Protein backbone atom coordinates (compact mmCIF):
# COMPACT_ATOMS: atom_id res chain seq x y z
CA MET A 1 23.27 -35.93 -11.44
CA ASN A 2 21.99 -33.10 -9.24
CA LEU A 3 20.26 -30.18 -10.93
CA LYS A 4 20.59 -27.04 -8.77
CA LEU A 5 18.43 -24.00 -9.50
CA ILE A 6 19.65 -20.44 -8.94
CA LEU A 7 17.06 -17.66 -9.15
CA GLY A 8 17.87 -14.17 -10.41
CA ASP A 9 18.05 -12.72 -6.89
CA GLN A 10 20.31 -15.50 -5.54
CA LEU A 11 23.64 -14.44 -7.04
CA ASN A 12 25.73 -15.21 -3.95
CA LEU A 13 29.18 -16.33 -5.09
CA GLU A 14 30.16 -16.87 -1.45
CA HIS A 15 27.50 -19.58 -1.01
CA SER A 16 28.74 -23.00 0.12
CA TRP A 17 27.33 -24.51 -3.09
CA PHE A 18 30.25 -22.99 -4.98
CA LYS A 19 33.13 -23.74 -2.63
CA LYS A 20 34.28 -26.74 -4.64
CA GLY A 21 33.62 -28.20 -8.06
CA ASP A 22 31.46 -31.28 -8.56
CA ASP A 23 31.03 -33.01 -11.91
CA SER A 24 27.71 -34.44 -10.76
CA VAL A 25 26.15 -30.97 -10.37
CA VAL A 26 24.60 -28.69 -13.01
CA PHE A 27 23.68 -25.17 -11.93
CA VAL A 28 20.67 -23.74 -13.78
CA LEU A 29 19.81 -20.07 -14.35
CA MET A 30 16.90 -18.85 -16.49
CA GLU A 31 15.71 -15.61 -18.04
CA MET A 32 11.93 -16.03 -18.33
CA ARG A 33 8.83 -14.16 -19.40
CA GLN A 34 7.27 -15.56 -16.24
CA GLU A 35 9.50 -13.14 -14.35
CA THR A 36 9.51 -10.20 -16.76
CA ASP A 37 5.72 -10.15 -17.11
CA TYR A 38 4.21 -10.60 -13.62
CA ALA A 39 4.51 -6.81 -13.27
CA THR A 40 5.39 -4.06 -15.74
CA HIS A 41 9.05 -3.58 -14.88
CA HIS A 42 11.45 -0.74 -15.60
CA ILE A 43 13.68 -1.56 -18.58
CA GLN A 44 16.77 -0.88 -16.46
CA LYS A 45 15.56 -3.34 -13.82
CA ILE A 46 15.31 -6.20 -16.31
CA VAL A 47 18.63 -5.31 -17.95
CA ALA A 48 20.29 -5.18 -14.52
CA PHE A 49 18.93 -8.56 -13.45
CA PHE A 50 19.82 -10.30 -16.71
CA GLY A 51 23.25 -8.68 -16.83
CA ALA A 52 24.03 -9.71 -13.25
CA MET A 53 22.78 -13.26 -13.90
CA ARG A 54 24.96 -13.60 -17.00
CA ASN A 55 28.06 -12.35 -15.20
CA PHE A 56 27.33 -14.75 -12.35
CA ASN A 57 27.04 -17.64 -14.81
CA GLU A 58 30.33 -16.70 -16.49
CA THR A 59 32.07 -16.63 -13.11
CA LEU A 60 30.76 -20.09 -12.25
CA LEU A 61 32.03 -21.42 -15.58
CA ALA A 62 35.41 -19.78 -15.01
CA ARG A 63 35.63 -21.54 -11.64
CA GLY A 64 35.06 -24.90 -13.29
CA HIS A 65 31.39 -25.44 -12.47
CA GLN A 66 28.93 -26.90 -14.97
CA THR A 67 25.98 -24.63 -15.76
CA HIS A 68 22.94 -24.49 -18.00
CA TYR A 69 21.89 -20.93 -18.79
CA LEU A 70 18.62 -20.25 -20.60
CA THR A 71 18.52 -16.84 -22.24
CA LEU A 72 15.23 -15.09 -22.88
CA ASP A 73 15.51 -15.62 -26.64
CA ASP A 74 16.57 -19.28 -26.50
CA PRO A 75 14.08 -21.20 -28.72
CA LYS A 76 14.09 -24.03 -26.14
CA ASN A 77 12.98 -21.64 -23.37
CA THR A 78 9.33 -22.31 -22.49
CA GLN A 79 9.35 -19.06 -20.43
CA ASN A 80 7.90 -20.95 -17.48
CA LEU A 81 9.91 -22.17 -14.48
CA GLU A 82 8.28 -25.55 -14.01
CA ASP A 83 8.17 -26.44 -17.71
CA ASN A 84 11.84 -25.53 -18.17
CA LEU A 85 12.81 -27.59 -15.13
CA LYS A 86 10.92 -30.64 -16.36
CA ILE A 87 12.80 -30.53 -19.67
CA LEU A 88 16.19 -30.03 -18.00
CA LEU A 89 15.67 -32.75 -15.41
CA GLN A 90 14.98 -35.18 -18.23
CA GLN A 91 17.81 -33.85 -20.40
CA TYR A 92 20.41 -34.38 -17.66
CA SER A 93 18.82 -37.57 -16.30
CA ALA A 94 18.84 -35.87 -12.93
CA THR A 95 18.31 -38.00 -9.84
CA THR A 96 18.09 -35.03 -7.47
CA PHE A 97 16.73 -31.50 -7.73
CA SER A 98 17.92 -28.77 -5.35
CA TYR A 99 17.05 -25.11 -4.97
CA LEU A 100 17.69 -22.22 -2.59
CA GLU A 101 14.84 -20.79 -0.52
CA PRO A 102 13.08 -18.16 -2.66
CA ASP A 103 12.41 -14.81 -1.05
CA GLU A 104 9.06 -14.34 -2.78
CA PHE A 105 6.02 -16.23 -1.59
CA ARG A 106 4.79 -16.97 -5.14
CA LEU A 107 8.08 -18.63 -6.12
CA ASP A 108 8.31 -20.43 -2.80
CA LYS A 109 4.88 -21.95 -3.40
CA GLN A 110 5.60 -22.69 -7.07
CA LEU A 111 8.76 -24.62 -6.24
CA LYS A 112 7.22 -26.49 -3.30
CA ASP A 113 4.32 -27.59 -5.53
CA PHE A 114 6.77 -28.57 -8.27
CA CYS A 115 8.86 -30.68 -5.90
CA ASN A 116 5.73 -32.43 -4.62
CA SER A 117 5.06 -33.52 -8.20
CA LEU A 118 8.53 -35.02 -8.76
CA SER A 119 9.36 -38.70 -8.66
CA ILE A 120 13.00 -37.93 -7.80
CA SER A 121 14.32 -36.55 -4.53
CA SER A 122 14.40 -32.80 -3.95
CA LYS A 123 16.12 -30.54 -1.45
CA VAL A 124 15.82 -26.88 -0.42
CA GLU A 125 18.67 -25.00 1.21
CA ASP A 126 19.27 -21.58 2.77
CA THR A 127 20.56 -18.73 0.61
CA GLU A 128 23.18 -17.95 3.28
CA HIS A 129 22.53 -14.24 2.85
CA PHE A 130 20.28 -12.80 5.54
CA MET A 131 21.28 -12.22 9.15
CA THR A 132 18.04 -13.74 10.45
CA SER A 133 15.91 -16.73 9.52
CA ARG A 134 12.45 -16.41 8.02
CA THR A 135 10.85 -17.07 11.42
CA GLU A 136 13.22 -15.25 13.75
CA LEU A 137 11.19 -12.04 13.91
CA SER A 138 8.02 -13.98 14.74
CA SER A 139 9.81 -15.74 17.57
CA PHE A 140 11.33 -12.49 18.85
CA PHE A 141 7.94 -10.78 19.10
CA GLU A 142 5.97 -13.80 20.28
CA GLY A 143 3.33 -12.68 22.77
CA LYS A 144 3.85 -8.98 22.01
CA LYS A 145 0.99 -6.74 20.83
CA GLN A 146 3.19 -4.54 18.64
CA LEU A 147 6.18 -5.38 16.46
CA ILE A 148 8.34 -2.41 17.46
CA LEU A 149 11.29 -2.08 15.09
CA GLU A 150 13.53 -0.37 17.64
CA PHE A 151 13.51 -3.39 19.95
CA PHE A 152 14.32 -5.73 17.07
CA TYR A 153 17.12 -3.42 15.90
CA ARG A 154 18.73 -3.26 19.34
CA ASN A 155 18.65 -7.03 19.58
CA MET A 156 20.41 -7.26 16.20
CA ARG A 157 23.12 -4.87 17.36
CA LYS A 158 23.73 -7.04 20.43
CA LYS A 159 23.51 -10.34 18.58
CA PHE A 160 26.17 -9.37 16.02
CA ASN A 161 28.14 -7.03 18.30
CA LEU A 162 27.83 -4.08 15.94
CA LEU A 163 28.60 -0.58 17.25
CA MET A 164 28.59 -1.95 20.79
CA GLN A 165 30.76 -1.34 23.87
CA LEU A 166 30.20 -4.44 25.95
CA ASP A 167 26.41 -4.51 26.38
CA GLN A 168 25.88 -0.79 25.71
CA PRO A 169 25.52 1.09 22.41
CA GLU A 170 28.58 2.94 21.21
CA GLY A 171 28.16 6.66 21.76
CA GLY A 172 25.70 6.17 24.60
CA GLN A 173 22.53 5.96 22.50
CA TRP A 174 21.00 3.39 20.18
CA ASN A 175 19.49 5.64 17.57
CA PHE A 176 20.64 8.92 16.01
CA ASP A 177 17.54 9.37 13.85
CA LYS A 178 17.01 12.96 15.05
CA ASN A 179 20.44 13.82 13.63
CA ASN A 180 19.46 12.43 10.22
CA ARG A 181 16.98 15.07 9.09
CA LYS A 182 18.96 17.96 7.64
CA LYS A 183 17.87 19.81 4.51
CA TRP A 184 20.57 19.96 1.83
CA LYS A 185 21.03 23.54 0.58
CA GLY A 186 23.79 23.13 -1.96
CA THR A 187 26.61 22.31 0.42
CA PRO A 188 28.50 20.18 1.27
CA GLU A 189 29.39 19.21 -2.28
CA ILE A 190 27.96 15.88 -3.44
CA PRO A 191 30.34 13.61 -5.40
CA PRO A 192 29.01 12.04 -8.62
CA PRO A 193 27.50 8.55 -8.29
CA TYR A 194 29.56 5.43 -8.82
CA LEU A 195 28.97 4.26 -12.40
CA PRO A 196 29.88 0.64 -13.19
CA SER A 197 30.70 -0.06 -16.82
CA SER A 198 29.42 -2.92 -18.97
CA ASP A 199 29.42 -3.77 -22.65
CA GLN A 200 26.30 -5.95 -22.23
CA LEU A 201 23.74 -3.22 -21.69
CA LEU A 202 22.59 -2.29 -25.19
CA GLY A 203 22.53 -5.90 -26.35
CA LEU A 204 20.33 -6.89 -23.41
CA LYS A 205 18.02 -3.94 -23.98
CA LYS A 206 17.57 -4.84 -27.65
CA MET A 207 16.92 -8.50 -26.83
CA ILE A 208 14.25 -7.54 -24.27
CA GLU A 209 12.58 -5.17 -26.72
CA LYS A 210 12.71 -7.72 -29.57
CA ALA A 211 11.02 -10.27 -27.31
CA GLY A 212 8.11 -7.87 -26.89
CA VAL A 213 8.47 -7.49 -23.13
CA LYS A 214 6.40 -4.53 -21.94
CA THR A 215 8.53 -2.15 -19.88
CA ILE A 216 8.46 1.35 -18.43
CA GLY A 217 11.11 4.02 -18.00
CA SER A 218 14.02 5.26 -20.08
CA PHE A 219 17.48 3.85 -20.70
CA ASP A 220 20.84 5.61 -20.86
CA GLN A 221 23.86 3.31 -20.77
CA ASP A 222 26.16 6.22 -19.83
CA HIS A 223 24.24 6.74 -16.58
CA PHE A 224 23.41 3.13 -15.72
CA LEU A 225 23.86 2.85 -11.97
CA TYR A 226 23.65 -0.86 -11.19
CA PRO A 227 26.60 -3.19 -10.57
CA LEU A 228 26.43 -6.42 -12.55
CA SER A 229 29.06 -8.39 -10.65
CA ARG A 230 30.23 -8.94 -7.11
CA LYS A 231 33.42 -6.98 -7.85
CA GLN A 232 31.44 -3.99 -9.07
CA ALA A 233 29.14 -4.23 -6.05
CA LEU A 234 32.14 -4.19 -3.69
CA ASP A 235 33.61 -1.26 -5.63
CA GLN A 236 30.31 0.58 -5.24
CA LEU A 237 30.35 -0.07 -1.48
CA ALA A 238 33.95 1.14 -1.22
CA TYR A 239 33.03 4.29 -3.17
CA PHE A 240 30.23 4.97 -0.68
CA CYS A 241 32.60 4.61 2.26
CA GLU A 242 35.26 6.84 0.76
CA HIS A 243 33.10 9.60 -0.69
CA LEU A 244 29.56 9.59 0.72
CA LEU A 245 29.47 8.08 4.21
CA VAL A 246 30.85 11.25 5.79
CA HIS A 247 27.53 13.05 5.19
CA PHE A 248 25.11 10.16 4.69
CA GLY A 249 23.33 10.33 8.04
CA ASP A 250 22.87 14.09 8.04
CA TYR A 251 21.16 14.22 4.66
CA GLN A 252 19.58 10.80 4.27
CA ASP A 253 16.07 12.33 4.36
CA ALA A 254 16.87 15.35 2.18
CA LEU A 255 15.38 16.00 -1.27
CA HIS A 256 16.62 18.35 -3.99
CA THR A 257 15.82 19.14 -7.61
CA ASP A 258 19.50 19.16 -8.63
CA GLU A 259 20.47 15.86 -7.01
CA VAL A 260 19.08 12.38 -7.59
CA ASN A 261 21.57 10.50 -5.43
CA LEU A 262 22.67 12.87 -2.66
CA PHE A 263 24.82 10.81 -0.26
CA HIS A 264 23.00 7.50 -0.64
CA SER A 265 24.97 4.32 -1.27
CA ARG A 266 22.60 2.86 -3.89
CA ILE A 267 23.73 -0.66 -2.95
CA SER A 268 20.16 -1.97 -2.57
CA PHE A 269 20.18 -3.70 -5.97
CA ALA A 270 23.47 -5.45 -5.16
CA LEU A 271 22.12 -6.45 -1.75
CA ASN A 272 18.76 -7.67 -3.00
CA THR A 273 20.35 -9.82 -5.71
CA LYS A 274 22.70 -11.16 -3.00
CA MET A 275 25.90 -10.20 -4.81
CA ILE A 276 26.93 -8.82 -1.41
CA ASP A 277 25.51 -9.66 1.99
CA PRO A 278 24.28 -7.38 4.78
CA LEU A 279 26.79 -8.40 7.43
CA GLU A 280 29.82 -7.80 5.21
CA VAL A 281 28.32 -4.45 4.19
CA VAL A 282 27.86 -3.10 7.71
CA GLN A 283 31.18 -4.52 8.86
CA GLN A 284 33.00 -2.77 6.03
CA VAL A 285 31.23 0.52 6.77
CA ILE A 286 31.99 0.25 10.50
CA ASP A 287 35.61 -0.66 9.82
CA PHE A 288 35.98 2.37 7.55
CA TYR A 289 34.42 4.56 10.24
CA ARG A 290 36.85 3.27 12.87
CA GLU A 291 39.80 4.04 10.59
CA ASN A 292 38.49 7.57 9.89
CA LYS A 293 36.93 8.67 13.18
CA GLU A 294 38.50 12.09 12.91
CA ASP A 295 36.40 12.79 9.80
CA ILE A 296 33.22 10.74 10.24
CA GLU A 297 30.69 11.06 13.06
CA LEU A 298 28.96 8.06 14.59
CA SER A 299 25.53 9.43 13.59
CA GLN A 300 26.43 9.05 9.89
CA VAL A 301 27.23 5.38 10.39
CA GLU A 302 24.45 4.38 12.79
CA GLY A 303 21.79 5.65 10.38
CA PHE A 304 23.19 3.41 7.67
CA VAL A 305 23.61 0.35 9.89
CA ARG A 306 20.03 0.76 11.15
CA GLN A 307 18.64 0.59 7.62
CA ILE A 308 20.54 -2.61 6.81
CA ILE A 309 20.40 -4.74 9.96
CA GLY A 310 17.26 -3.21 11.42
CA TRP A 311 14.82 -2.15 8.75
CA ARG A 312 15.78 -4.60 5.98
CA GLU A 313 15.83 -7.69 8.20
CA TYR A 314 12.69 -6.50 10.01
CA MET A 315 10.75 -6.13 6.75
CA ARG A 316 11.75 -9.61 5.62
CA GLY A 317 10.56 -11.03 8.92
CA ILE A 318 7.22 -9.23 8.59
CA TYR A 319 6.84 -10.61 5.07
CA TRP A 320 7.22 -14.25 6.07
CA LYS A 321 5.15 -13.76 9.21
CA GLU A 322 2.18 -12.22 7.41
CA MET A 323 2.11 -13.65 3.88
CA PRO A 324 0.07 -14.56 1.90
CA ASN A 325 -2.76 -12.61 3.55
CA TYR A 326 -0.59 -9.49 3.73
CA ALA A 327 -0.91 -9.00 -0.04
CA LYS A 328 -4.67 -8.57 0.35
CA THR A 329 -4.72 -6.06 3.19
CA ASN A 330 -6.60 -2.79 2.68
CA ALA A 331 -7.33 -1.57 6.21
CA LEU A 332 -8.38 1.92 5.12
CA GLU A 333 -10.66 0.56 2.38
CA ASN A 334 -9.04 2.74 -0.28
CA SER A 335 -10.29 2.17 -3.82
CA ASN A 336 -9.21 5.00 -6.15
CA PRO A 337 -7.10 4.31 -9.26
CA LEU A 338 -3.46 5.35 -9.44
CA PRO A 339 -3.16 8.66 -11.35
CA LYS A 340 -1.76 8.31 -14.85
CA PHE A 341 1.07 10.72 -14.07
CA TYR A 342 2.76 8.00 -12.02
CA TRP A 343 3.67 6.40 -15.35
CA THR A 344 4.76 9.62 -17.08
CA GLY A 345 5.87 12.17 -14.48
CA THR A 346 3.60 14.71 -16.18
CA THR A 347 2.12 16.69 -13.30
CA LYS A 348 2.24 20.31 -12.19
CA MET A 349 3.08 19.26 -8.62
CA ASN A 350 6.84 19.71 -8.69
CA CYS A 351 7.69 17.26 -5.90
CA LEU A 352 5.84 14.47 -7.70
CA HIS A 353 7.20 15.50 -11.09
CA GLN A 354 10.77 15.39 -9.75
CA SER A 355 10.42 12.12 -7.85
CA ILE A 356 8.57 10.24 -10.59
CA THR A 357 10.80 11.55 -13.37
CA ASN A 358 13.87 10.48 -11.36
CA SER A 359 12.30 7.05 -10.97
CA LEU A 360 11.51 6.72 -14.68
CA ASP A 361 14.99 7.91 -15.65
CA HIS A 362 16.99 5.80 -13.19
CA ALA A 363 14.76 2.99 -11.81
CA TYR A 364 15.65 4.54 -8.46
CA ALA A 365 14.40 6.94 -5.81
CA HIS A 366 15.62 7.12 -2.25
CA HIS A 367 13.41 6.23 0.69
CA ILE A 368 11.95 9.69 1.40
CA GLN A 369 10.96 10.21 -2.23
CA ARG A 370 9.22 6.83 -2.08
CA LEU A 371 7.62 7.31 1.33
CA MET A 372 6.84 11.01 1.66
CA ILE A 373 6.30 12.07 -1.96
CA THR A 374 4.94 9.30 -4.19
CA GLY A 375 3.67 7.14 -1.31
CA ASN A 376 2.27 10.08 0.63
CA PHE A 377 0.27 11.33 -2.35
CA ALA A 378 -1.05 7.86 -3.19
CA LEU A 379 -2.31 7.45 0.36
CA LEU A 380 -3.82 10.93 0.53
CA ALA A 381 -5.48 10.22 -2.83
CA GLN A 382 -6.83 7.00 -1.28
CA VAL A 383 -5.48 4.80 -4.08
CA HIS A 384 -6.15 1.07 -3.87
CA PRO A 385 -3.02 -0.57 -2.41
CA ASP A 386 -2.99 -3.19 -5.20
CA ALA A 387 -2.31 -0.43 -7.73
CA VAL A 388 0.37 1.15 -5.54
CA ASP A 389 2.01 -2.26 -5.07
CA GLN A 390 2.25 -2.89 -8.79
CA TRP A 391 3.80 0.50 -9.48
CA TYR A 392 6.48 0.19 -6.80
CA LEU A 393 7.25 -3.41 -7.70
CA GLY A 394 7.79 -2.50 -11.34
CA ILE A 395 9.54 0.83 -11.34
CA TYR A 396 12.47 0.23 -8.97
CA ALA A 397 15.47 -1.95 -9.82
CA ASP A 398 15.79 -3.08 -6.19
CA ALA A 399 12.10 -4.01 -5.85
CA ILE A 400 11.57 -7.66 -4.93
CA GLU A 401 8.25 -8.44 -3.30
CA TRP A 402 9.56 -9.37 0.17
CA VAL A 403 10.97 -5.88 0.65
CA GLN A 404 8.66 -3.91 -1.63
CA ILE A 405 5.27 -5.01 -0.36
CA THR A 406 6.07 -4.55 3.32
CA ASN A 407 7.38 -1.05 2.68
CA THR A 408 4.50 -0.15 0.36
CA ARG A 409 1.52 -1.82 1.97
CA GLY A 410 2.84 -1.38 5.49
CA MET A 411 5.04 1.68 5.93
CA SER A 412 3.71 3.77 3.04
CA GLN A 413 0.00 2.97 2.61
CA TRP A 414 -0.95 1.73 6.11
CA ALA A 415 -2.95 -0.96 4.32
CA ASP A 416 -1.89 -3.49 6.96
CA GLY A 417 -3.68 -1.53 9.68
CA GLY A 418 -0.58 -0.77 11.70
CA ILE A 419 1.50 -3.96 11.68
CA VAL A 420 4.57 -2.10 10.41
CA ALA A 421 3.83 1.55 11.22
CA THR A 422 1.93 2.75 14.28
CA LYS A 423 0.53 5.68 12.27
CA PRO A 424 0.18 6.50 8.56
CA TYR A 425 3.03 8.47 7.02
CA VAL A 426 1.05 11.36 5.60
CA SER A 427 1.90 15.04 5.50
CA ALA A 428 0.84 18.29 3.92
CA ALA A 429 3.22 20.56 2.02
CA ALA A 430 5.00 21.80 5.16
CA TYR A 431 7.06 18.63 5.56
CA ILE A 432 7.98 18.54 1.87
CA HIS A 433 9.18 22.14 2.08
CA LYS A 434 11.10 21.41 5.28
CA MET A 435 13.11 18.62 3.66
CA SER A 436 13.45 19.85 0.06
CA ASN A 437 13.56 22.74 -2.37
CA TYR A 438 10.73 21.23 -4.42
CA CYS A 439 8.19 23.84 -3.33
CA ASP A 440 10.45 26.76 -4.34
CA SER A 441 9.89 26.20 -8.07
CA CYS A 442 6.35 24.83 -7.91
CA GLN A 443 3.36 26.72 -9.29
CA TYR A 444 1.30 25.75 -6.26
CA ASP A 445 1.39 27.70 -3.00
CA LYS A 446 2.64 25.49 -0.19
CA LYS A 447 0.80 27.56 2.42
CA LYS A 448 -2.69 27.49 0.88
CA ARG A 449 -5.37 24.87 1.50
CA VAL A 450 -7.96 26.17 -0.98
CA GLY A 451 -7.92 28.11 -4.22
CA GLU A 452 -6.71 27.27 -7.70
CA ASP A 453 -3.06 27.77 -6.71
CA ALA A 454 -3.28 25.89 -3.40
CA CYS A 455 -0.96 22.91 -3.01
CA PRO A 456 -3.02 19.74 -3.56
CA PHE A 457 -1.21 18.02 -0.68
CA ASN A 458 -2.79 20.45 1.79
CA SER A 459 -6.45 19.92 0.96
CA LEU A 460 -5.92 16.18 0.43
CA TYR A 461 -4.23 15.90 3.83
CA TRP A 462 -7.14 17.35 5.81
CA ASN A 463 -9.66 15.57 3.61
CA PHE A 464 -7.87 12.27 4.31
CA LEU A 465 -7.94 12.86 8.07
CA ASP A 466 -11.63 13.71 7.90
CA ASP A 467 -12.52 10.74 5.68
CA LYS A 468 -10.55 8.26 7.80
CA LYS A 469 -11.03 9.68 11.30
CA GLN A 470 -13.07 6.67 12.41
CA PHE A 471 -10.10 4.42 11.62
CA PHE A 472 -7.83 6.49 13.85
CA ALA A 473 -10.19 7.39 16.69
CA LYS A 474 -8.29 5.15 19.14
CA ASN A 475 -4.81 5.75 17.70
CA ASN A 476 -2.85 7.84 20.24
CA ARG A 477 -0.29 8.91 17.66
CA MET A 478 -3.03 10.48 15.53
CA ALA A 479 -4.79 12.23 18.43
CA MET A 480 -3.08 15.61 17.99
CA MET A 481 -3.84 15.78 14.25
CA LEU A 482 -7.46 14.82 14.83
CA ARG A 483 -7.77 17.56 17.46
CA LEU A 484 -6.43 20.06 14.93
CA LEU A 485 -8.95 18.75 12.41
CA GLU A 486 -11.76 19.40 14.90
CA LYS A 487 -10.63 23.03 15.26
CA ILE A 488 -11.11 23.78 11.55
CA PRO A 489 -14.38 25.75 11.18
CA PRO A 490 -17.06 23.68 9.38
CA GLU A 491 -17.32 26.18 6.52
CA ASP A 492 -13.54 26.05 5.98
CA LEU A 493 -13.50 22.27 6.10
CA GLU A 494 -16.26 22.18 3.50
CA GLN A 495 -14.14 24.29 1.13
CA ILE A 496 -11.12 22.08 1.79
CA LYS A 497 -13.13 18.97 0.97
CA LEU A 498 -14.54 20.52 -2.19
CA ARG A 499 -11.01 21.33 -3.34
CA ALA A 500 -9.92 17.77 -2.46
CA ALA A 501 -12.84 16.24 -4.33
CA LYS A 502 -11.90 18.20 -7.44
CA ILE A 503 -8.34 16.84 -7.23
CA LEU A 504 -9.46 13.27 -6.54
CA ASN A 505 -11.88 13.29 -9.45
CA ASN A 506 -9.25 14.50 -11.92
CA PRO A 507 -5.76 14.09 -10.40
CA ASP A 508 -4.06 14.24 -13.78
CA ASP A 509 -5.22 17.83 -14.23
CA PHE A 510 -3.01 18.93 -11.35
């Protein structure tokens, strides 16, 4: 008997494990406190994972496979991966244990250590999901000083022949990023988000609460946005193609008080649980574009493809190249605590109030809310990256460490010292106003650096540059901003820093 473990983010029905039935195989899935408690997760995140796992298990049973599913409230559930496996291996008199490569370092280590302790044979296999191997990025950049995403992305386009004309990029350029920065001003009209339906949601929520699992965020089953099956995930992707792709690229960086979703696909949860895979996603989007070229511009599609085959695969490669030391990086030596309003949304800064409230309500925020609002403020406030990590890992339904930590510690907080991003992604209020309407209804003045009504982002921005200038003295991409810092009269800079100190000492008053 072969016991085969499937983790909660390995719900790939297309995997070769499931191509044919085998009476000598038992597939095991587990809901565990080990996984609900290593961070304080959003209630919708846990419900989504458990719901997707249960649907996956039911599909396997319907296909004739033998499974053993441990629910969170099963009295035989030890709530620990290794202890549960020991019991099940004995129960089924297993002679072999198999598992799929985990995408989190902690689980990878836990399972390797567990297998080393076994007296029976064990085997690890690929998840058959990603377009690259764990080590492919390291090999691609071997001998290079910088891990430039654009070069990796172009190689991926060539390797998989995506949006290519022979050996040249379709449309004559590789990257349409400059076309992807429009501010949404109420038009074009944004269709409502795709809402999958499920009768499991309330029952799962009650079970999680009864178990005493500590969670954050709110729950509304009528606005639950996460697909719980492969069919729903494919329906969500089709909805994106038919209704949202036409304007995705233009407004992918836009922010607005009236719109949580804008034109985003919101397929990241389905992707990160492996219900769908990246290559089928981009192929479907490209196919739809080719069939509707009269309505959809190439720039809308390229921006989407870049995020999936470029950024997502790149971040995974960084993770396996740099872990476990990556989780300890703090290049800027930041040490402040995360403001309490990150857990409540209660702040007078409208951009943060909107972005955090959206996150608490939906377990979702799109990449600019994460990078240039919540991440930007955390970096300007010089918050310890450990605290930022824990918040991002818990609050978003799509947050699994391999993708979360590289985006947070690398792209957002520059804690890795420039492995991912050549410069920190910080801005004052001007950028936020450029891309959103957040400033229009905020009590703070986006143009002021000092004074009681001055936008906190402004004083914190210049204070950050002044505090960290030694870290960026040799960074060419920061040279212009540091020259502007030098031009601020000393007496003005002193007032800016006094205002910043007041904010940093009591951020929850702002």
